[in-house]
C-alpha atoms as a PDB file:
ATOM      1  CA  GLU A   1      68.531 -80.425  41.662  1.00  0.00           C
ATOM      2  CA  LYS A   2      69.466 -82.412  44.583  1.00  0.00           C
ATOM      3  CA  ASP A   3      66.011 -81.957  46.163  1.00  0.00           C
ATOM      4  CA  SER A   4      64.532 -83.000  43.195  1.00  0.00           C
ATOM      5  CA  LEU A   5      66.403 -86.151  42.680  1.00  0.00           C
ATOM      6  CA  THR A   6      65.836 -86.954  46.289  1.00  0.00           C
ATOM      7  CA  HIS A   7      62.044 -86.680  46.090  1.00  0.00           C
ATOM      8  CA  LEU A   8      62.356 -88.680  42.615  1.00  0.00           C
ATOM      9  CA  ARG A   9      64.088 -91.377  44.318  1.00  0.00           C
ATOM     10  CA  LYS A  10      61.312 -91.799  47.037  1.00  0.00           C
ATOM     11  CA  GLU A  11      58.508 -91.603  44.489  1.00  0.00           C
ATOM     12  CA  ILE A  12      60.418 -94.896  42.975  1.00  0.00           C
ATOM     13  CA  GLU A  13      61.218 -96.497  46.220  1.00  0.00           C
ATOM     14  CA  ARG A  14      57.310 -96.282  47.212  1.00  0.00           C
ATOM     15  CA  ASP A  15      56.498 -97.264  43.818  1.00  0.00           C
ATOM     16  CA  GLN A  16      58.868-100.288  44.257  1.00  0.00           C
ATOM     17  CA  GLY A  17      57.739-101.213  47.516  1.00  0.00           C
ATOM     18  CA  ILE A  18      53.786-101.463  46.221  1.00  0.00           C
ATOM     19  CA  ARG A  19      55.154-103.470  43.543  1.00  0.00           C
ATOM     20  CA  ASP A  20      56.852-105.784  46.191  1.00  0.00           C
ATOM     21  CA  GLU A  21      53.673-105.646  48.456  1.00  0.00           C
ATOM     22  CA  MET A  22      51.322-106.604  45.401  1.00  0.00           C
ATOM     23  CA  ALA A  23      53.511-109.163  44.285  1.00  0.00           C
ATOM     24  CA  LYS A  24      53.655-110.579  47.836  1.00  0.00           C
ATOM     25  CA  ARG A  25      49.722-110.538  47.954  1.00  0.00           C
ATOM     26  CA  ALA A  26      49.447-112.239  44.498  1.00  0.00           C
ATOM     27  CA  ASN A  27      51.551-115.041  45.472  1.00  0.00           C
ATOM     28  CA  LEU A  28      49.901-115.454  48.640  1.00  0.00           C
ATOM     29  CA  ALA A  29      46.470-115.629  46.970  1.00  0.00           C
ATOM     30  CA  ALA A  30      48.018-118.119  44.231  1.00  0.00           C
ATOM     31  CA  ALA A  31      48.968-120.360  46.997  1.00  0.00           C
ATOM     32  CA  THR A  32      45.761-119.886  48.723  1.00  0.00           C
ATOM     33  CA  HIS A  33      43.724-120.727  46.014  1.00  0.00           C
ATOM     34  CA  ASP A  34      46.014-123.933  45.091  1.00  0.00           C
ATOM     35  CA  ALA A  35      45.491-124.905  48.833  1.00  0.00           C
ATOM     36  CA  LEU A  36      41.924-124.916  48.719  1.00  0.00           C
ATOM     37  CA  LYS A  37      41.627-126.180  45.145  1.00  0.00           C
ATOM     38  CA  SER A  38      43.742-129.144  46.623  1.00  0.00           C
ATOM     39  CA  ILE A  39      41.330-129.360  49.711  1.00  0.00           C
ATOM     40  CA  HIS A  40      37.981-129.438  47.666  1.00  0.00           C
ATOM     41  CA  GLU A  41      39.761-132.208  45.222  1.00  0.00           C
ATOM     42  CA  GLU A  42      40.371-134.104  48.194  1.00  0.00           C
ATOM     43  CA  PHE A  43      37.040-133.487  49.943  1.00  0.00           C
ATOM     44  CA  ALA A  44      35.317-134.450  46.660  1.00  0.00           C
ATOM     45  CA  GLY A  45      37.348-137.741  46.011  1.00  0.00           C
ATOM     46  CA  GLU A  46      36.401-138.870  49.691  1.00  0.00           C
ATOM     47  CA  THR A  47      32.606-138.032  48.988  1.00  0.00           C
ATOM     48  CA  ARG A  48      32.696-139.792  46.069  1.00  0.00           C
ATOM     49  CA  ASP A  49      34.155-142.643  47.442  1.00  0.00           C
ATOM     50  CA  LEU A  50      31.649-142.537  50.369  1.00  0.00           C
ATOM     51  CA  ILE A  51      28.597-142.264  48.232  1.00  0.00           C
ATOM     52  CA  GLY A  52      30.113-145.280  45.795  1.00  0.00           C
ATOM     53  CA  SER A  53      30.837-147.399  48.967  1.00  0.00           C
ATOM     54  CA  THR A  54      27.263-146.719  50.592  1.00  0.00           C
ATOM     55  CA  ALA A  55      25.759-147.072  47.141  1.00  0.00           C
ATOM     56  CA  THR A  56      27.247-150.624  46.607  1.00  0.00           C
ATOM     57  CA  GLU A  57      26.165-151.465  50.050  1.00  0.00           C
ATOM     58  CA  TYR A  58      22.727-150.736  49.387  1.00  0.00           C
ATOM     59  CA  PHE A  59      22.896-152.029  45.940  1.00  0.00           C
ATOM     60  CA  ARG A  60      23.969-155.680  47.552  1.00  0.00           C
ATOM     61  CA  GLU A  61      21.085-155.790  49.661  1.00  0.00           C
ATOM     62  CA  LEU A  62      18.859-155.402  46.603  1.00  0.00           C
ATOM     63  CA  LEU A  63      20.339-157.540  44.164  1.00  0.00           C
ATOM     64  CA  ASP A  64      18.649-161.040  43.503  1.00  0.00           C
ATOM     65  CA  HIS A  65      20.631-164.101  43.907  1.00  0.00           C
ATOM     66  CA  GLU A  66      21.825-164.291  40.216  1.00  0.00           C
ATOM     67  CA  GLY A  67      22.778-160.557  40.428  1.00  0.00           C
ATOM     68  CA  LYS A  68      25.079-161.040  43.151  1.00  0.00           C
ATOM     69  CA  LYS A  69      26.935-163.520  41.284  1.00  0.00           C
ATOM     70  CA  THR A  70      27.930-161.279  38.611  1.00  0.00           C
ATOM     71  CA  LEU A  71      27.801-157.519  39.971  1.00  0.00           C
ATOM     72  CA  ARG A  72      29.877-156.210  42.389  1.00  0.00           C
ATOM     73  CA  ASP A  73      30.495-152.238  43.042  1.00  0.00           C
ATOM     74  CA  ILE A  74      28.975-149.132  42.309  1.00  0.00           C
ATOM     75  CA  VAL A  75      31.591-146.473  41.222  1.00  0.00           C
ATOM     76  CA  VAL A  76      31.202-142.659  41.347  1.00  0.00           C
ATOM     77  CA  ASP A  77      33.662-141.455  38.669  1.00  0.00           C
ATOM     78  CA  SER A  78      35.730-138.297  38.956  1.00  0.00           C
ATOM     79  CA  ASP A  79      33.213-136.685  36.604  1.00  0.00           C
ATOM     80  CA  TYR A  80      30.293-137.834  38.774  1.00  0.00           C
ATOM     81  CA  SER A  81      28.947-140.413  35.983  1.00  0.00           C
ATOM     82  CA  ILE A  82      28.244-143.776  37.685  1.00  0.00           C
ATOM     83  CA  GLN A  83      29.595-146.954  36.829  1.00  0.00           C
ATOM     84  CA  VAL A  84      28.964-150.576  37.683  1.00  0.00           C
ATOM     85  CA  TYR A  85      31.742-153.171  38.097  1.00  0.00           C
ATOM     86  CA  ASP A  86      31.485-156.866  37.853  1.00  0.00           C
ATOM     87  CA  HIS A  87      33.456-159.394  40.056  1.00  0.00           C
ATOM     88  CA  TRP A  88      36.376-158.905  37.472  1.00  0.00           C
ATOM     89  CA  GLN A  89      36.502-155.275  37.993  1.00  0.00           C
ATOM     90  CA  LYS A  90      35.451-154.730  34.532  1.00  0.00           C
ATOM     91  CA  PRO A  91      32.875-152.026  33.852  1.00  0.00           C
ATOM     92  CA  PHE A  92      29.541-153.689  33.401  1.00  0.00           C
ATOM     93  CA  LEU A  93      26.593-150.731  33.473  1.00  0.00           C
ATOM     94  CA  ALA A  94      26.009-151.330  29.704  1.00  0.00           C
ATOM     95  CA  ASN A  95      25.071-154.820  30.402  1.00  0.00           C
ATOM     96  CA  ILE A  96      22.662-154.928  33.144  1.00  0.00           C
ATOM     97  CA  SER A  97      18.855-155.067  32.967  1.00  0.00           C
ATOM     98  CA  ALA A  98      16.088-152.825  33.342  1.00  0.00           C
ATOM     99  CA  GLY A  99      15.403-153.863  36.805  1.00  0.00           C
ATOM    100  CA  GLN A 100      19.195-153.889  37.840  1.00  0.00           C
ATOM    101  CA  ARG A 101      19.297-150.179  36.759  1.00  0.00           C
ATOM    102  CA  GLN A 102      16.187-149.587  38.898  1.00  0.00           C
ATOM    103  CA  ILE A 103      17.795-150.793  41.835  1.00  0.00           C
ATOM    104  CA  MET A 104      20.994-149.342  40.942  1.00  0.00           C
ATOM    105  CA  SER A 105      19.453-145.826  40.797  1.00  0.00           C
ATOM    106  CA  ILE A 106      17.449-146.558  44.075  1.00  0.00           C
ATOM    107  CA  ALA A 107      20.587-147.355  46.044  1.00  0.00           C
ATOM    108  CA  PHE A 108      22.497-144.275  44.515  1.00  0.00           C
ATOM    109  CA  ILE A 109      19.676-141.676  45.527  1.00  0.00           C
ATOM    110  CA  ALA A 110      19.587-143.650  49.028  1.00  0.00           C
ATOM    111  CA  ALA A 111      23.278-143.129  49.169  1.00  0.00           C
ATOM    112  CA  LEU A 112      23.227-139.495  48.157  1.00  0.00           C
ATOM    113  CA  GLY A 113      20.872-139.190  51.245  1.00  0.00           C
ATOM    114  CA  ARG A 114      22.593-140.474  53.640  1.00  0.00           C
ATOM    115  CA  THR A 115      25.797-139.155  52.755  1.00  0.00           C
ATOM    116  CA  ALA A 116      24.390-135.743  52.764  1.00  0.00           C
ATOM    117  CA  ALA A 117      22.476-136.604  56.362  1.00  0.00           C
ATOM    118  CA  GLY A 118      26.071-137.890  57.797  1.00  0.00           C
ATOM    119  CA  LYS A 119      24.257-140.481  59.423  1.00  0.00           C
ATOM    120  CA  ASP A 120      23.549-144.571  59.122  1.00  0.00           C
ATOM    121  CA  ILE A 121      19.780-143.926  59.260  1.00  0.00           C
ATOM    122  CA  LEU A 122      18.307-141.685  56.811  1.00  0.00           C
ATOM    123  CA  GLN A 123      16.269-138.834  58.744  1.00  0.00           C
ATOM    124  CA  MET A 124      14.511-137.259  55.900  1.00  0.00           C
ATOM    125  CA  PRO A 125      11.391-139.017  54.311  1.00  0.00           C
ATOM    126  CA  LEU A 126      12.487-141.244  51.469  1.00  0.00           C
ATOM    127  CA  PHE A 127       9.902-140.825  48.344  1.00  0.00           C
ATOM    128  CA  MET A 128       9.477-143.766  45.867  1.00  0.00           C
ATOM    129  CA  ASP A 129       6.829-143.273  43.201  1.00  0.00           C
ATOM    130  CA  THR A 130       5.830-146.759  41.455  1.00  0.00           C
ATOM    131  CA  PRO A 131       9.398-148.270  41.730  1.00  0.00           C
ATOM    132  CA  PHE A 132       8.420-151.974  41.061  1.00  0.00           C
ATOM    133  CA  GLY A 133       7.447-151.866  37.483  1.00  0.00           C
ATOM    134  CA  ARG A 134      10.274-153.420  36.194  1.00  0.00           C
ATOM    135  CA  LEU A 135      11.412-155.244  39.129  1.00  0.00           C
ATOM    136  CA  SER A 136      11.564-159.286  39.587  1.00  0.00           C
ATOM    137  CA  HIS A 137       9.790-160.774  42.306  1.00  0.00           C
ATOM    138  CA  GLU A 138      13.081-160.977  44.309  1.00  0.00           C
ATOM    139  CA  HIS A 139      14.060-157.680  43.637  1.00  0.00           C
ATOM    140  CA  ARG A 140      10.567-156.520  44.963  1.00  0.00           C
ATOM    141  CA  ARG A 141      11.134-158.451  48.191  1.00  0.00           C
ATOM    142  CA  ASN A 142      14.518-157.185  48.698  1.00  0.00           C
ATOM    143  CA  LEU A 143      13.128-153.725  48.167  1.00  0.00           C
ATOM    144  CA  LEU A 144      10.373-154.168  50.631  1.00  0.00           C
ATOM    145  CA  GLU A 145      12.399-155.876  53.167  1.00  0.00           C
ATOM    146  CA  ASN A 146      15.455-153.332  53.443  1.00  0.00           C
ATOM    147  CA  VAL A 147      14.299-150.234  52.786  1.00  0.00           C
ATOM    148  CA  PRO A 148      12.527-149.606  55.694  1.00  0.00           C
ATOM    149  CA  LYS A 149      15.853-150.334  57.428  1.00  0.00           C
ATOM    150  CA  TRP A 150      17.486-147.424  55.638  1.00  0.00           C
ATOM    151  CA  CYS A 151      15.266-144.483  56.754  1.00  0.00           C
ATOM    152  CA  ALA A 152      13.156-143.163  59.409  1.00  0.00           C
ATOM    153  CA  GLN A 153      10.233-142.669  56.855  1.00  0.00           C
ATOM    154  CA  TRP A 154       9.688-144.307  53.469  1.00  0.00           C
ATOM    155  CA  VAL A 155       6.718-142.878  51.636  1.00  0.00           C
ATOM    156  CA  LEU A 156       5.788-145.438  48.751  1.00  0.00           C
ATOM    157  CA  LEU A 157       3.242-144.667  45.896  1.00  0.00           C
ATOM    158  CA  ALA A 158       2.472-147.776  44.160  1.00  0.00           C
ATOM    159  CA  THR A 159      -0.668-148.844  42.054  1.00  0.00           C
ATOM    160  CA  ASP A 160      -2.414-152.172  42.510  1.00  0.00           C
ATOM    161  CA  THR A 161      -1.216-153.767  39.582  1.00  0.00           C
ATOM    162  CA  GLU A 162       2.583-153.917  41.330  1.00  0.00           C
ATOM    163  CA  PHE A 163       1.481-153.836  44.523  1.00  0.00           C
ATOM    164  CA  GLY A 164      -0.554-157.088  45.640  1.00  0.00           C
ATOM    165  CA  ARG A 165      -1.151-158.970  48.649  1.00  0.00           C
ATOM    166  CA  LEU A 166       2.176-160.915  48.591  1.00  0.00           C
ATOM    167  CA  GLU A 167       4.237-157.468  48.661  1.00  0.00           C
ATOM    168  CA  ALA A 168       1.771-156.407  51.468  1.00  0.00           C
ATOM    169  CA  LYS A 169       2.483-159.299  53.632  1.00  0.00           C
ATOM    170  CA  ILE A 170       6.258-158.876  53.087  1.00  0.00           C
ATOM    171  CA  LEU A 171       6.187-155.137  54.111  1.00  0.00           C
ATOM    172  CA  HIS A 172       3.837-156.179  56.765  1.00  0.00           C
ATOM    173  CA  ASP A 173       6.366-158.424  58.359  1.00  0.00           C
ATOM    174  CA  THR A 174       8.937-155.893  58.761  1.00  0.00           C
ATOM    175  CA  LYS A 175       6.491-154.368  61.464  1.00  0.00           C
ATOM    176  CA  GLN A 176       7.578-151.124  59.971  1.00  0.00           C
ATOM    177  CA  TRP A 177       4.454-150.574  57.994  1.00  0.00           C
ATOM    178  CA  THR A 178       2.390-148.057  60.047  1.00  0.00           C
ATOM    179  CA  LYS A 179      -0.035-146.074  57.524  1.00  0.00           C
ATOM    180  CA  PHE A 180      -2.043-147.155  54.482  1.00  0.00           C
ATOM    181  CA  TYR A 181      -3.738-144.868  52.077  1.00  0.00           C
ATOM    182  CA  ILE A 182      -6.002-145.399  49.072  1.00  0.00           C
ATOM    183  CA  LEU A 183      -5.982-142.232  46.495  1.00  0.00           C
ATOM    184  CA  LYS A 184      -8.972-142.554  43.876  1.00  0.00           C
ATOM    185  CA  GLY A 185      -9.366-139.928  41.328  1.00  0.00           C
ATOM    186  CA  THR A 186     -12.758-138.039  41.845  1.00  0.00           C
ATOM    187  CA  GLY A 187     -12.474-136.100  38.239  1.00  0.00           C
ATOM    188  CA  ALA A 188     -11.692-132.534  37.224  1.00  0.00           C
ATOM    189  CA  GLY A 189      -7.886-133.544  38.627  1.00  0.00           C
ATOM    190  CA  SER A 190      -9.086-133.977  42.127  1.00  0.00           C
ATOM    191  CA  THR A 191      -7.936-136.987  44.472  1.00  0.00           C
ATOM    192  CA  GLN A 192      -9.592-138.466  47.271  1.00  0.00           C
ATOM    193  CA  ILE A 193      -7.255-139.641  50.151  1.00  0.00           C
ATOM    194  CA  GLU A 194      -8.646-142.361  52.096  1.00  0.00           C
ATOM    195  CA  PRO A 195      -6.834-143.811  55.198  1.00  0.00           C
ATOM    196  CA  ILE A 196      -7.087-147.586  55.775  1.00  0.00           C
ATOM    197  CA  PRO A 197      -5.748-149.408  58.624  1.00  0.00           C
ATOM    198  CA  VAL A 198      -2.780-151.576  57.748  1.00  0.00           C
ATOM    199  CA  THR A 199      -4.495-154.717  58.892  1.00  0.00           C
ATOM    200  CA  GLN A 200      -7.077-154.519  56.271  1.00  0.00           C
ATOM    201  CA  ALA A 201      -4.574-153.564  53.417  1.00  0.00           C
ATOM    202  CA  GLU A 202      -4.137-157.314  52.344  1.00  0.00           C
ATOM    203  CA  ASN A 203      -7.827-157.910  51.897  1.00  0.00           C
ATOM    204  CA  LEU A 204      -8.019-154.785  49.591  1.00  0.00           C
ATOM    205  CA  LEU A 205      -5.438-155.635  47.393  1.00  0.00           C
ATOM    206  CA  ARG A 206      -5.001-158.454  44.513  1.00  0.00           C
ATOM    207  CA  ASP A 207      -3.871-161.884  45.198  1.00  0.00           C
ATOM    208  CA  GLU A 208      -0.776-161.164  42.884  1.00  0.00           C
ATOM    209  CA  ALA A 209       0.489-157.787  41.307  1.00  0.00           C
ATOM    210  CA  GLY A 210      -0.924-157.970  37.812  1.00  0.00           C
ATOM    211  CA  GLY A 211      -3.474-160.185  38.747  1.00  0.00           C
ATOM    212  CA  ASN A 212      -7.208-160.467  39.962  1.00  0.00           C
END
C-alpha cells in the first residue's frame, strides 16, 4: 500500500509539474504577444505619422496660392483613413475641391512610395495616368515643376487636351524631361508607340491644353 501511495504521489507531483510548466509557458506566450502588439502599434503609429508628414510636405508643394491659405496638413488616422486639416486644425476633407482632392491623392501615393523606399528620392518609377484633368493651371504648374524632384523616374501619360505647349515648356524647363512618346491607336486594340525628340515636343502639341 505504501509503494502504491508513493507511486500515486509521484504521478500527482509529475502532473502538477507539467501544469506549472504549461502555466509558465502560457504566461510567457501572453507576455510576448502583448510586447509584440505594443511594438507593432508603436511602429504603425510612427509609420502613419511619417506618411502623413511626407504627404503634407508634397501637398503643400502642389497646392495653389489660395489652397495654401486654407489647407495645412494631411493626417493618416489610426484606421488608415485620410483627413485634411485646415490652418485652425479642423477637419476639412469634405470641403476641398476636386482639384485639391486630386493633388492630395498624388501627394499621398508619392508619400507611400517614399516611406516604403526609406529614401528621400523615390527610386521606383512613379506612374501617373492623365492626372491633369481636374487641375487648375497653377496646380498643373506645381505638379510639373515638383514631381520630377521627388523620384528617379516619372512616367506621365497625358492626352493632348490636358498637356499642351505651355505644360511642355514648364516640364522642359525642369531639365529632367528626357523621353517623349506619342501613342497612336492602330485599330483592333493595338497601339503604335512613336519616340519623338523632346526638343520637338512643343511643335507637336497644342498652343493651350484643350485648345487648337
